[in-house]
């Protein structure tokens, strides 16, 4: 299996986990705080960690993979902040 295909599958998994965290925040079932927090932590680890792992293992001359990792980190931080804001309301 191609390393890029594995990364894409991991990023897809991270997006599904993030959607599940939003489901927890909006529906608020029993124990939603810790389940949502655990899902968010998994999202950040897989999404951000996967992008930085790719940037380190497969660097390119133009630095696009590093910039993509930085952008992915910023988007993940904003997504988590929006989730926390929604959960606290």
C-alpha atoms as a PDB file:
ATOM      1  CA  UNK A   1       0.000   0.000   0.000  1.00  0.00           C
ATOM      2  CA  UNK A   2       1.295   3.421  -0.921  1.00  0.00           C
ATOM      3  CA  UNK A   3       2.323   5.664   1.987  1.00  0.00           C
ATOM      4  CA  UNK A   4       0.240   8.459   0.483  1.00  0.00           C
ATOM      5  CA  UNK A   5      -2.817   6.196   0.374  1.00  0.00           C
ATOM      6  CA  UNK A   6      -2.297   5.300   4.039  1.00  0.00           C
ATOM      7  CA  UNK A   7      -2.033   8.990   4.888  1.00  0.00           C
ATOM      8  CA  UNK A   8      -5.210   9.798   2.986  1.00  0.00           C
ATOM      9  CA  UNK A   9      -7.061   7.007   4.784  1.00  0.00           C
ATOM     10  CA  UNK A  10      -5.770   8.292   8.131  1.00  0.00           C
ATOM     11  CA  UNK A  11      -6.911  11.825   7.294  1.00  0.00           C
ATOM     12  CA  UNK A  12     -10.323  10.501   6.260  1.00  0.00           C
ATOM     13  CA  UNK A  13     -10.525   8.639   9.586  1.00  0.00           C
ATOM     14  CA  UNK A  14      -9.613  11.866  11.408  1.00  0.00           C
ATOM     15  CA  UNK A  15     -12.403  13.735   9.629  1.00  0.00           C
ATOM     16  CA  UNK A  16     -14.925  11.046  10.579  1.00  0.00           C
ATOM     17  CA  UNK A  17     -13.747  11.245  14.200  1.00  0.00           C
ATOM     18  CA  UNK A  18     -14.173  15.037  14.120  1.00  0.00           C
ATOM     19  CA  UNK A  19     -17.730  14.681  12.812  1.00  0.00           C
ATOM     20  CA  UNK A  20     -18.434  12.224  15.638  1.00  0.00           C
ATOM     21  CA  UNK A  21     -17.101  14.785  18.132  1.00  0.00           C
ATOM     22  CA  UNK A  22     -19.517  17.361  16.702  1.00  0.00           C
ATOM     23  CA  UNK A  23     -22.335  14.864  17.038  1.00  0.00           C
ATOM     24  CA  UNK A  24     -21.425  14.505  20.710  1.00  0.00           C
ATOM     25  CA  UNK A  25     -21.405  18.280  21.221  1.00  0.00           C
ATOM     26  CA  UNK A  26     -24.730  18.848  19.494  1.00  0.00           C
ATOM     27  CA  UNK A  27     -26.738  15.862  20.768  1.00  0.00           C
ATOM     28  CA  UNK A  28     -25.138  15.827  24.249  1.00  0.00           C
ATOM     29  CA  UNK A  29     -25.677  12.178  25.248  1.00  0.00           C
ATOM     30  CA  UNK A  30     -24.579  10.967  28.679  1.00  0.00           C
ATOM     31  CA  UNK A  31     -20.827  11.416  29.079  1.00  0.00           C
ATOM     32  CA  UNK A  32     -20.520  13.634  26.025  1.00  0.00           C
ATOM     33  CA  UNK A  33     -17.806  15.846  27.561  1.00  0.00           C
ATOM     34  CA  UNK A  34     -15.187  13.144  27.987  1.00  0.00           C
ATOM     35  CA  UNK A  35     -16.179  11.252  24.818  1.00  0.00           C
ATOM     36  CA  UNK A  36     -16.086  14.446  22.778  1.00  0.00           C
ATOM     37  CA  UNK A  37     -12.757  15.411  24.308  1.00  0.00           C
ATOM     38  CA  UNK A  38     -11.293  11.995  23.566  1.00  0.00           C
ATOM     39  CA  UNK A  39     -12.532  12.171  19.985  1.00  0.00           C
ATOM     40  CA  UNK A  40     -11.037  15.643  19.583  1.00  0.00           C
ATOM     41  CA  UNK A  41      -7.703  14.461  20.947  1.00  0.00           C
ATOM     42  CA  UNK A  42      -7.733  11.538  18.515  1.00  0.00           C
ATOM     43  CA  UNK A  43      -8.593  13.938  15.682  1.00  0.00           C
ATOM     44  CA  UNK A  44      -5.664  16.214  16.501  1.00  0.00           C
ATOM     45  CA  UNK A  45      -3.199  13.350  16.910  1.00  0.00           C
ATOM     46  CA  UNK A  46      -4.156  11.662  13.650  1.00  0.00           C
ATOM     47  CA  UNK A  47      -4.684  14.785  11.535  1.00  0.00           C
ATOM     48  CA  UNK A  48      -1.818  16.949  12.702  1.00  0.00           C
ATOM     49  CA  UNK A  49       0.529  14.081  13.477  1.00  0.00           C
ATOM     50  CA  UNK A  50      -0.084  12.496  10.083  1.00  0.00           C
ATOM     51  CA  UNK A  51       0.627  15.693   8.210  1.00  0.00           C
ATOM     52  CA  UNK A  52       3.824  16.381  10.141  1.00  0.00           C
ATOM     53  CA  UNK A  53       4.956  12.781   9.739  1.00  0.00           C
ATOM     54  CA  UNK A  54       4.484  13.104   5.987  1.00  0.00           C
ATOM     55  CA  UNK A  55       6.348  16.417   5.933  1.00  0.00           C
ATOM     56  CA  UNK A  56       9.304  14.862   7.768  1.00  0.00           C
ATOM     57  CA  UNK A  57       9.469  11.554   5.936  1.00  0.00           C
ATOM     58  CA  UNK A  58       8.831  12.921   2.427  1.00  0.00           C
ATOM     59  CA  UNK A  59      10.178  16.470   2.207  1.00  0.00           C
ATOM     60  CA  UNK A  60      10.009  18.253  -1.119  1.00  0.00           C
ATOM     61  CA  UNK A  61      12.211  20.994  -2.498  1.00  0.00           C
ATOM     62  CA  UNK A  62       9.501  23.630  -2.624  1.00  0.00           C
ATOM     63  CA  UNK A  63       8.465  23.004   0.994  1.00  0.00           C
ATOM     64  CA  UNK A  64       4.833  22.334   0.118  1.00  0.00           C
ATOM     65  CA  UNK A  65       4.448  19.413   2.503  1.00  0.00           C
ATOM     66  CA  UNK A  66       5.748  21.520   5.402  1.00  0.00           C
ATOM     67  CA  UNK A  67       3.391  24.372   4.524  1.00  0.00           C
ATOM     68  CA  UNK A  68       0.524  21.883   4.252  1.00  0.00           C
ATOM     69  CA  UNK A  69       1.387  20.571   7.723  1.00  0.00           C
ATOM     70  CA  UNK A  70       1.410  24.108   9.141  1.00  0.00           C
ATOM     71  CA  UNK A  71      -1.925  24.899   7.505  1.00  0.00           C
ATOM     72  CA  UNK A  72      -3.412  21.620   8.736  1.00  0.00           C
ATOM     73  CA  UNK A  73      -2.245  22.437  12.268  1.00  0.00           C
ATOM     74  CA  UNK A  74      -3.870  25.869  12.145  1.00  0.00           C
ATOM     75  CA  UNK A  75      -7.125  24.482  10.773  1.00  0.00           C
ATOM     76  CA  UNK A  76      -7.183  21.765  13.449  1.00  0.00           C
ATOM     77  CA  UNK A  77      -6.622  24.344  16.205  1.00  0.00           C
ATOM     78  CA  UNK A  78      -9.457  26.497  14.836  1.00  0.00           C
ATOM     79  CA  UNK A  79     -11.737  23.458  14.548  1.00  0.00           C
ATOM     80  CA  UNK A  80     -11.061  22.417  18.140  1.00  0.00           C
ATOM     81  CA  UNK A  81     -11.592  25.993  19.348  1.00  0.00           C
ATOM     82  CA  UNK A  82     -14.940  26.149  17.549  1.00  0.00           C
ATOM     83  CA  UNK A  83     -15.945  22.810  19.082  1.00  0.00           C
ATOM     84  CA  UNK A  84     -15.025  23.995  22.571  1.00  0.00           C
ATOM     85  CA  UNK A  85     -16.912  27.258  22.038  1.00  0.00           C
ATOM     86  CA  UNK A  86     -19.990  25.335  20.892  1.00  0.00           C
ATOM     87  CA  UNK A  87     -19.720  22.861  23.778  1.00  0.00           C
ATOM     88  CA  UNK A  88     -19.527  25.642  26.372  1.00  0.00           C
ATOM     89  CA  UNK A  89     -22.613  27.435  25.107  1.00  0.00           C
END
